[in-house]
């Protein structure tokens, strides 16, 4: 799914999420949905990408050279640039709200952890001083904080911290967090991917809530729809399914 499109947070918004089938690694494609038209822009790419808030640039991962690396491209698939150029594995790139930085996951220094770089690939730096297994990052709408997953299955938990890795604290058990456009809630997957539930953590009341009580297999990357009519979808083969939760969340306090 694509995140951090410009949104008018005075309006209400919805949630999208993805359910994977068994053969999702065999074919990977990016699709862009604009009104009612659907266009394939590139194939053989990885599972994560996001559109820059201030430009039309898209960041994504590709394993075309044998290891997953971070690229940017135009919406039509042109001008693809390898930003990471590293022998390690890079995952989950996501633009900062102002489009000036990219937060991502890498194992270049050992365990998977969070790194940030400038939009042109320069200035790579580690977010946290201590090495831990941290994945699935997401920015707060104001760009001051990040949420992420710490630990390995089945002991994964969602944490939040400042963008420079300070004041980290645990929110709840779960993974694949996505911050709401108004900054009040975080949607996430709970109870494991194969028997997942979609849940919400309210940052004002500090309480989790199960959004969809029925378990669903292979639910990944829940994403808030912004106040625009051009969401991005992704396909990982014929067995991919994209769902609309049908539950409207009020974006006002």
Protein backbone atom coordinates (compact mmCIF):
# COMPACT_ATOMS: atom_id res chain seq x y z
CA UNK A 1 0.00 0.00 0.00
CA UNK A 2 1.08 3.57 -0.48
CA UNK A 3 1.07 5.94 2.44
CA UNK A 4 1.38 9.65 3.21
CA UNK A 5 -0.47 11.19 0.31
CA UNK A 6 -1.59 14.73 1.05
CA UNK A 7 -4.80 14.63 3.03
CA UNK A 8 -7.42 17.09 4.12
CA UNK A 9 -7.79 15.97 7.73
CA UNK A 10 -10.93 18.03 8.23
CA UNK A 11 -12.73 15.23 6.43
CA UNK A 12 -13.37 11.69 7.56
CA UNK A 13 -11.27 8.91 6.13
CA UNK A 14 -11.28 5.15 5.74
CA UNK A 15 -8.90 2.22 6.11
CA UNK A 16 -7.55 -0.14 3.48
CA UNK A 17 -5.66 -3.35 4.08
CA UNK A 18 -4.27 -6.24 2.05
CA UNK A 19 -4.78 -9.98 2.29
CA UNK A 20 -2.10 -12.19 0.76
CA UNK A 21 -2.47 -15.57 -0.89
CA UNK A 22 0.05 -18.40 -0.79
CA UNK A 23 1.91 -17.55 -4.01
CA UNK A 24 2.40 -13.83 -3.46
CA UNK A 25 6.21 -13.98 -3.88
CA UNK A 26 6.04 -15.34 -7.44
CA UNK A 27 4.91 -12.13 -9.09
CA UNK A 28 5.18 -8.58 -7.75
CA UNK A 29 3.72 -5.53 -9.39
CA UNK A 30 2.85 -1.93 -8.60
CA UNK A 31 -0.50 -0.50 -9.67
CA UNK A 32 -1.69 3.07 -9.40
CA UNK A 33 -5.41 3.70 -9.08
CA UNK A 34 -6.53 7.13 -10.31
CA UNK A 35 -10.30 7.55 -10.27
CA UNK A 36 -11.42 4.50 -12.27
CA UNK A 37 -8.25 3.90 -14.32
CA UNK A 38 -5.61 1.33 -13.34
CA UNK A 39 -2.06 1.43 -14.72
CA UNK A 40 0.84 -0.98 -14.25
CA UNK A 41 4.00 1.07 -13.77
CA UNK A 42 6.69 -1.50 -13.00
CA UNK A 43 7.21 -5.20 -12.28
CA UNK A 44 9.64 -7.26 -10.20
CA UNK A 45 9.58 -4.91 -7.25
CA UNK A 46 9.36 -5.58 -3.56
CA UNK A 47 6.55 -5.45 -1.08
CA UNK A 48 6.82 -1.84 0.08
CA UNK A 49 6.60 1.58 -1.53
CA UNK A 50 5.26 5.03 -0.80
CA UNK A 51 4.63 8.28 -2.66
CA UNK A 52 6.49 11.41 -1.62
CA UNK A 53 4.11 13.97 -0.06
CA UNK A 54 5.51 17.03 -1.83
CA UNK A 55 6.38 15.47 -5.20
CA UNK A 56 5.26 12.67 -7.50
CA UNK A 57 8.31 10.53 -6.68
CA UNK A 58 7.69 6.97 -5.49
CA UNK A 59 10.12 5.06 -3.29
CA UNK A 60 10.14 1.26 -3.47
CA UNK A 61 12.35 -1.78 -2.96
CA UNK A 62 13.68 -4.11 -5.64
CA UNK A 63 15.82 -7.24 -5.57
CA UNK A 64 16.82 -7.05 -9.25
CA UNK A 65 20.53 -7.12 -8.30
CA UNK A 66 20.27 -10.04 -5.89
CA UNK A 67 19.53 -8.17 -2.65
CA UNK A 68 16.71 -5.81 -1.77
CA UNK A 69 17.60 -2.16 -2.22
CA UNK A 70 15.74 1.13 -2.15
CA UNK A 71 14.87 2.95 -5.36
CA UNK A 72 12.90 6.01 -6.38
CA UNK A 73 11.03 6.51 -9.64
CA UNK A 74 8.44 8.65 -11.33
CA UNK A 75 4.80 7.46 -11.31
CA UNK A 76 5.16 6.23 -14.90
CA UNK A 77 8.12 4.03 -13.94
CA UNK A 78 10.80 6.26 -15.48
CA UNK A 79 14.02 7.57 -13.88
CA UNK A 80 14.58 4.69 -11.48
CA UNK A 81 17.44 5.46 -9.12
CA UNK A 82 19.09 3.11 -6.60
CA UNK A 83 19.44 5.14 -3.39
CA UNK A 84 20.85 2.57 -0.97
CA UNK A 85 23.64 0.90 -3.04
CA UNK A 86 24.55 -1.44 -0.21
CA UNK A 87 25.22 -5.18 0.03
CA UNK A 88 22.80 -5.44 2.97
CA UNK A 89 19.04 -5.93 2.79
CA UNK A 90 16.88 -2.78 2.86
CA UNK A 91 13.09 -2.83 3.45
CA UNK A 92 10.03 -0.76 4.26
CA UNK A 93 11.01 2.68 2.93
CA UNK A 94 8.65 5.47 3.89
CA UNK A 95 8.82 9.20 3.21
CA UNK A 96 8.80 11.77 5.97
CA UNK A 97 5.68 13.97 5.84
CA UNK A 98 7.67 16.85 4.30
CA UNK A 99 9.22 14.57 1.67
CA UNK A 100 12.79 15.43 2.67
CA UNK A 101 13.79 12.13 4.30
CA UNK A 102 13.20 8.40 3.92
CA UNK A 103 12.91 6.11 6.93
CA UNK A 104 13.77 2.47 6.22
CA UNK A 105 14.89 -0.89 7.62
CA UNK A 106 18.36 -2.39 7.04
CA UNK A 107 20.61 -5.12 8.41
CA UNK A 108 23.83 -3.38 7.35
CA UNK A 109 25.12 -3.30 10.95
CA UNK A 110 23.77 -6.65 12.18
CA UNK A 111 20.12 -7.12 13.19
CA UNK A 112 17.38 -5.34 11.24
CA UNK A 113 17.07 -1.80 12.55
CA UNK A 114 15.80 1.64 11.53
CA UNK A 115 17.77 4.10 9.43
CA UNK A 116 16.99 7.44 7.84
CA UNK A 117 18.47 9.10 4.76
CA UNK A 118 17.94 12.24 2.74
CA UNK A 119 15.63 12.05 -0.26
CA UNK A 120 18.61 11.75 -2.63
CA UNK A 121 20.11 8.81 -0.70
CA UNK A 122 22.79 10.82 1.12
CA UNK A 123 23.27 11.28 4.84
CA UNK A 124 22.37 7.73 5.92
CA UNK A 125 22.27 7.44 9.70
CA UNK A 126 20.97 5.01 12.29
CA UNK A 127 17.93 6.16 14.27
CA UNK A 128 18.73 4.33 17.53
CA UNK A 129 22.12 3.98 19.21
CA UNK A 130 21.46 0.50 20.59
CA UNK A 131 21.06 -2.40 18.18
CA UNK A 132 17.68 -4.15 18.33
CA UNK A 133 15.42 -5.91 15.86
CA UNK A 134 13.22 -3.02 14.71
CA UNK A 135 11.03 -3.08 11.59
CA UNK A 136 7.82 -1.70 9.98
CA UNK A 137 8.38 2.04 10.63
CA UNK A 138 5.77 4.75 10.14
CA UNK A 139 5.95 8.53 10.65
CA UNK A 140 3.58 10.62 12.71
CA UNK A 141 1.77 13.17 10.50
CA UNK A 142 3.79 16.07 11.95
CA UNK A 143 7.08 14.24 11.35
CA UNK A 144 8.19 14.53 14.99
CA UNK A 145 7.72 10.89 16.01
CA UNK A 146 7.90 7.41 14.56
CA UNK A 147 6.12 4.17 15.36
CA UNK A 148 7.75 0.82 14.68
CA UNK A 149 7.82 -2.86 15.59
CA UNK A 150 10.41 -4.29 17.97
CA UNK A 151 11.15 -7.98 18.44
CA UNK A 152 10.59 -11.12 16.40
CA UNK A 153 7.55 -13.33 15.98
CA UNK A 154 5.70 -14.28 18.07
CA UNK A 155 6.93 -11.58 20.48
CA UNK A 156 6.50 -8.44 18.38
CA UNK A 157 5.31 -5.19 19.92
CA UNK A 158 4.61 -1.68 18.64
CA UNK A 159 6.65 1.19 20.05
CA UNK A 160 6.75 4.93 19.47
CA UNK A 161 9.74 7.27 19.84
CA UNK A 162 10.94 10.66 18.71
CA UNK A 163 12.32 10.74 15.17
CA UNK A 164 15.87 10.74 16.56
CA UNK A 165 15.24 7.57 18.60
CA UNK A 166 14.60 9.08 22.03
CA UNK A 167 11.84 8.47 24.60
CA UNK A 168 10.90 5.05 23.19
CA UNK A 169 7.93 3.36 24.81
CA UNK A 170 5.81 0.30 24.14
CA UNK A 171 2.21 0.76 23.06
CA UNK A 172 0.85 -2.75 22.57
CA UNK A 173 1.58 -6.16 21.08
CA UNK A 174 1.25 -6.25 17.28
CA UNK A 175 3.02 -5.25 14.08
CA UNK A 176 2.74 -3.28 10.80
CA UNK A 177 1.56 0.01 12.37
CA UNK A 178 0.19 2.91 10.31
CA UNK A 179 -0.39 6.35 11.84
CA UNK A 180 -3.76 7.99 11.13
CA UNK A 181 -3.74 11.30 9.19
CA UNK A 182 -4.96 13.22 12.26
CA UNK A 183 -2.29 11.70 14.50
CA UNK A 184 -4.75 10.33 17.07
CA UNK A 185 -4.71 6.63 16.23
CA UNK A 186 -2.46 3.86 14.93
CA UNK A 187 -3.91 0.94 12.99
CA UNK A 188 -2.00 -2.33 13.21
CA UNK A 189 -2.18 -6.09 12.73
CA UNK A 190 -2.51 -8.29 15.79
CA UNK A 191 -2.40 -12.03 16.55
CA UNK A 192 0.04 -12.93 13.77
CA UNK A 193 -0.18 -12.69 9.99
CA UNK A 194 -1.67 -16.13 9.36
CA UNK A 195 -4.59 -15.62 11.77
CA UNK A 196 -4.66 -11.85 11.91
CA UNK A 197 -7.03 -9.28 13.30
CA UNK A 198 -7.07 -5.59 12.37
CA UNK A 199 -6.83 -3.34 15.43
CA UNK A 200 -6.60 0.33 16.40
CA UNK A 201 -4.59 1.95 19.19
CA UNK A 202 -6.02 5.25 20.45
CA UNK A 203 -3.14 7.51 21.47
CA UNK A 204 -5.45 9.79 23.45
CA UNK A 205 -6.90 7.06 25.70
CA UNK A 206 -3.90 4.72 25.40
CA UNK A 207 -6.16 1.77 24.65
CA UNK A 208 -6.29 -0.77 21.81
CA UNK A 209 -9.51 -1.74 20.04
CA UNK A 210 -10.19 -4.63 17.69
CA UNK A 211 -11.51 -3.12 14.48
CA UNK A 212 -12.34 -6.32 12.61
CA UNK A 213 -13.11 -9.13 15.05
CA UNK A 214 -13.06 -11.94 12.49
CA UNK A 215 -9.65 -13.46 11.88
CA UNK A 216 -8.27 -13.32 8.34
CA UNK A 217 -5.18 -15.05 6.91
CA UNK A 218 -2.22 -13.03 5.59
CA UNK A 219 -3.43 -9.53 6.37
CA UNK A 220 -0.58 -7.05 5.85
CA UNK A 221 0.17 -3.33 5.64
CA UNK A 222 -3.06 -1.65 6.77
CA UNK A 223 -3.13 1.91 5.43
CA UNK A 224 -5.33 4.92 6.03
CA UNK A 225 -6.99 6.45 2.99
CA UNK A 226 -6.11 10.15 2.76
CA UNK A 227 -8.53 12.89 1.72
CA UNK A 228 -7.75 12.32 -1.95
CA UNK A 229 -9.21 10.03 -4.60
CA UNK A 230 -5.89 8.61 -5.81
CA UNK A 231 -4.87 5.79 -3.45
CA UNK A 232 -2.13 3.37 -4.44
CA UNK A 233 -2.71 -0.38 -4.51
CA UNK A 234 -0.22 -3.20 -4.79
CA UNK A 235 -0.45 -6.66 -6.31
CA UNK A 236 1.76 -9.64 -5.54
CA UNK A 237 0.27 -12.11 -7.98
CA UNK A 238 -3.13 -13.53 -8.77
CA UNK A 239 -3.83 -14.49 -5.18
CA UNK A 240 -3.54 -10.92 -3.80
CA UNK A 241 -6.69 -9.26 -2.50
CA UNK A 242 -7.22 -5.64 -1.49
CA UNK A 243 -9.96 -4.93 1.03
CA UNK A 244 -11.79 -1.82 2.15
CA UNK A 245 -12.69 -2.12 5.80
CA UNK A 246 -16.00 -0.29 5.39
CA UNK A 247 -15.53 1.35 8.78
CA UNK A 248 -15.34 5.11 8.76
CA UNK A 249 -13.20 6.82 11.38
CA UNK A 250 -13.93 10.40 12.37
CA UNK A 251 -10.76 12.45 11.99
CA UNK A 252 -11.83 15.19 14.41
CA UNK A 253 -11.05 14.93 18.17
